[in-house]
Amino acid sequence: MKCDSTPRRQDAESRVKENEGELRLRGIRCERQAEVPIRYKGKRLATALRLDLLVEKLVVVECKATHEYNRVFAAQTLTYLRLLDMKLGLVINFGEPLVKNGIHRVVNGL
């Protein structure tokens, strides 16, 4: 059986764009592919990470499109939260039959 992750990745990327558009229509500020700077010993490293959506500069949203949720998604989101000194993140897995079952809350120090 051949496994190709490209269609799923494209699906997640299109969902990010769709969600960004919906949020903006509602007057909610958001930034797609927001840069997450990495600092080491007070110096910024050349290569930064990119998160899917930063909503109102308060919530990190990571969009996935997989058959099964993986705890690494929460770890990735928690890393973004720590680097940005933020408290709340959401991982939304659009691969779930019901999207509401694919929403996972990630908190940093609450």
C-alpha atoms as a PDB file:
ATOM      1  CA  MET A   1       0.000   0.000   0.000  1.00  0.00           C
ATOM      2  CA  LYS A   2       1.417   3.353  -1.042  1.00  0.00           C
ATOM      3  CA  CYS A   3       1.278   6.206   1.464  1.00  0.00           C
ATOM      4  CA  ASP A   4       1.473   9.788   0.202  1.00  0.00           C
ATOM      5  CA  SER A   5       1.198  12.644   2.713  1.00  0.00           C
ATOM      6  CA  THR A   6       1.104  15.406   0.073  1.00  0.00           C
ATOM      7  CA  PRO A   7      -2.713  15.520  -0.363  1.00  0.00           C
ATOM      8  CA  ARG A   8      -3.203  15.701   3.416  1.00  0.00           C
ATOM      9  CA  ARG A   9      -0.606  18.481   3.759  1.00  0.00           C
ATOM     10  CA  GLN A  10      -2.306  20.429   0.982  1.00  0.00           C
ATOM     11  CA  ASP A  11      -5.647  19.879   2.704  1.00  0.00           C
ATOM     12  CA  ALA A  12      -4.266  21.293   5.978  1.00  0.00           C
ATOM     13  CA  GLU A  13      -2.779  24.276   4.147  1.00  0.00           C
ATOM     14  CA  SER A  14      -6.062  25.003   2.393  1.00  0.00           C
ATOM     15  CA  ARG A  15      -7.890  24.761   5.734  1.00  0.00           C
ATOM     16  CA  VAL A  16      -5.489  27.320   7.213  1.00  0.00           C
ATOM     17  CA  LYS A  17      -6.272  29.723   4.361  1.00  0.00           C
ATOM     18  CA  GLU A  18     -10.013  29.119   4.707  1.00  0.00           C
ATOM     19  CA  ASN A  19      -9.916  29.698   8.460  1.00  0.00           C
ATOM     20  CA  GLU A  20      -7.863  32.849   8.025  1.00  0.00           C
ATOM     21  CA  GLY A  21     -10.454  34.184   5.579  1.00  0.00           C
ATOM     22  CA  GLU A  22     -13.355  33.351   7.894  1.00  0.00           C
ATOM     23  CA  LEU A  23     -11.671  35.012  10.870  1.00  0.00           C
ATOM     24  CA  ARG A  24     -10.923  38.159   8.875  1.00  0.00           C
ATOM     25  CA  LEU A  25     -14.542  38.332   7.667  1.00  0.00           C
ATOM     26  CA  ARG A  26     -15.542  38.454  11.325  1.00  0.00           C
ATOM     27  CA  GLY A  27     -13.080  41.265  12.068  1.00  0.00           C
ATOM     28  CA  ILE A  28     -10.670  39.022  13.952  1.00  0.00           C
ATOM     29  CA  ARG A  29      -7.003  39.767  13.389  1.00  0.00           C
ATOM     30  CA  CYS A  30      -4.908  36.786  12.394  1.00  0.00           C
ATOM     31  CA  GLU A  31      -1.599  36.080  10.761  1.00  0.00           C
ATOM     32  CA  ARG A  32      -0.920  33.016   8.627  1.00  0.00           C
ATOM     33  CA  GLN A  33       2.542  31.405   8.691  1.00  0.00           C
ATOM     34  CA  ALA A  34       3.621  33.679  11.560  1.00  0.00           C
ATOM     35  CA  GLU A  35       7.319  33.545  12.310  1.00  0.00           C
ATOM     36  CA  VAL A  36       8.436  32.107  15.645  1.00  0.00           C
ATOM     37  CA  PRO A  37      11.962  33.316  16.396  1.00  0.00           C
ATOM     38  CA  ILE A  38      14.356  30.914  18.093  1.00  0.00           C
ATOM     39  CA  ARG A  39      16.755  32.375  20.634  1.00  0.00           C
ATOM     40  CA  TYR A  40      19.802  30.722  22.117  1.00  0.00           C
ATOM     41  CA  LYS A  41      21.759  32.442  24.891  1.00  0.00           C
ATOM     42  CA  GLY A  42      20.091  35.726  24.039  1.00  0.00           C
ATOM     43  CA  LYS A  43      20.907  35.553  20.324  1.00  0.00           C
ATOM     44  CA  ARG A  44      18.346  35.012  17.615  1.00  0.00           C
ATOM     45  CA  LEU A  45      19.117  32.065  15.370  1.00  0.00           C
ATOM     46  CA  ALA A  46      18.919  32.586  11.621  1.00  0.00           C
ATOM     47  CA  THR A  47      16.216  29.999  10.990  1.00  0.00           C
ATOM     48  CA  ALA A  48      12.829  30.648  12.565  1.00  0.00           C
ATOM     49  CA  LEU A  49       9.868  28.316  12.911  1.00  0.00           C
ATOM     50  CA  ARG A  50       6.493  29.063  11.309  1.00  0.00           C
ATOM     51  CA  LEU A  51       3.143  28.402  12.899  1.00  0.00           C
ATOM     52  CA  ASP A  52      -0.116  28.021  10.982  1.00  0.00           C
ATOM     53  CA  LEU A  53      -2.230  30.822  12.485  1.00  0.00           C
ATOM     54  CA  LEU A  54      -1.694  33.429  15.160  1.00  0.00           C
ATOM     55  CA  VAL A  55      -5.093  34.783  16.227  1.00  0.00           C
ATOM     56  CA  GLU A  56      -5.302  38.230  17.847  1.00  0.00           C
ATOM     57  CA  LYS A  57      -1.695  37.690  19.008  1.00  0.00           C
ATOM     58  CA  LEU A  58      -3.237  35.581  21.776  1.00  0.00           C
ATOM     59  CA  VAL A  59      -3.882  32.078  20.410  1.00  0.00           C
ATOM     60  CA  VAL A  60      -1.650  29.788  18.362  1.00  0.00           C
ATOM     61  CA  VAL A  61      -3.634  27.541  15.996  1.00  0.00           C
ATOM     62  CA  GLU A  62      -2.019  24.547  14.323  1.00  0.00           C
ATOM     63  CA  CYS A  63      -4.040  22.799  11.609  1.00  0.00           C
ATOM     64  CA  LYS A  64      -3.488  19.136  10.818  1.00  0.00           C
ATOM     65  CA  ALA A  65      -5.162  16.690   8.448  1.00  0.00           C
ATOM     66  CA  THR A  66      -4.358  13.207   9.685  1.00  0.00           C
ATOM     67  CA  HIS A  67      -6.362  10.066  10.349  1.00  0.00           C
ATOM     68  CA  GLU A  68      -5.072   9.896  13.892  1.00  0.00           C
ATOM     69  CA  TYR A  69      -4.074  12.546  16.445  1.00  0.00           C
ATOM     70  CA  ASN A  70      -0.452  12.386  17.553  1.00  0.00           C
ATOM     71  CA  ARG A  71       0.827  13.888  20.821  1.00  0.00           C
ATOM     72  CA  VAL A  72       3.717  15.426  18.906  1.00  0.00           C
ATOM     73  CA  PHE A  73       1.208  18.012  17.586  1.00  0.00           C
ATOM     74  CA  ALA A  74       0.631  19.270  21.139  1.00  0.00           C
ATOM     75  CA  ALA A  75       4.388  19.260  21.814  1.00  0.00           C
ATOM     76  CA  GLN A  76       4.971  21.338  18.670  1.00  0.00           C
ATOM     77  CA  THR A  77       2.275  23.828  19.693  1.00  0.00           C
ATOM     78  CA  LEU A  78       3.627  24.017  23.251  1.00  0.00           C
ATOM     79  CA  THR A  79       7.064  24.821  21.831  1.00  0.00           C
ATOM     80  CA  TYR A  80       5.566  27.730  19.883  1.00  0.00           C
ATOM     81  CA  LEU A  81       3.759  28.949  22.998  1.00  0.00           C
ATOM     82  CA  ARG A  82       6.939  28.853  25.070  1.00  0.00           C
ATOM     83  CA  LEU A  83       9.044  30.607  22.438  1.00  0.00           C
ATOM     84  CA  LEU A  84       6.399  33.337  22.054  1.00  0.00           C
ATOM     85  CA  ASP A  85       5.690  33.539  25.813  1.00  0.00           C
ATOM     86  CA  MET A  86       2.010  32.845  25.164  1.00  0.00           C
ATOM     87  CA  LYS A  87      -0.528  30.786  27.103  1.00  0.00           C
ATOM     88  CA  LEU A  88      -3.082  29.181  24.767  1.00  0.00           C
ATOM     89  CA  GLY A  89      -2.937  27.081  21.623  1.00  0.00           C
ATOM     90  CA  LEU A  90      -5.284  24.874  19.637  1.00  0.00           C
ATOM     91  CA  VAL A  91      -4.488  21.909  17.442  1.00  0.00           C
ATOM     92  CA  ILE A  92      -7.284  21.292  14.959  1.00  0.00           C
ATOM     93  CA  ASN A  93      -7.216  17.979  13.113  1.00  0.00           C
ATOM     94  CA  PHE A  94      -9.360  18.179   9.993  1.00  0.00           C
ATOM     95  CA  GLY A  95      -8.769  14.488   9.349  1.00  0.00           C
ATOM     96  CA  GLU A  96     -11.349  13.543  11.997  1.00  0.00           C
ATOM     97  CA  PRO A  97     -14.811  12.566  10.717  1.00  0.00           C
ATOM     98  CA  LEU A  98     -16.240  15.294  12.995  1.00  0.00           C
ATOM     99  CA  VAL A  99     -13.996  18.355  13.299  1.00  0.00           C
ATOM    100  CA  LYS A 100     -15.241  19.024  16.846  1.00  0.00           C
ATOM    101  CA  ASN A 101     -13.570  15.740  17.860  1.00  0.00           C
ATOM    102  CA  GLY A 102     -10.294  16.947  16.366  1.00  0.00           C
ATOM    103  CA  ILE A 103      -9.900  20.092  18.485  1.00  0.00           C
ATOM    104  CA  HIS A 104      -7.226  19.822  21.174  1.00  0.00           C
ATOM    105  CA  ARG A 105      -6.410  22.607  23.636  1.00  0.00           C
ATOM    106  CA  VAL A 106      -2.758  23.198  24.552  1.00  0.00           C
ATOM    107  CA  VAL A 107      -1.785  25.428  27.474  1.00  0.00           C
ATOM    108  CA  ASN A 108       1.502  26.857  28.660  1.00  0.00           C
ATOM    109  CA  GLY A 109       1.657  27.369  32.399  1.00  0.00           C
ATOM    110  CA  LEU A 110      -2.037  27.855  33.183  1.00  0.00           C
END
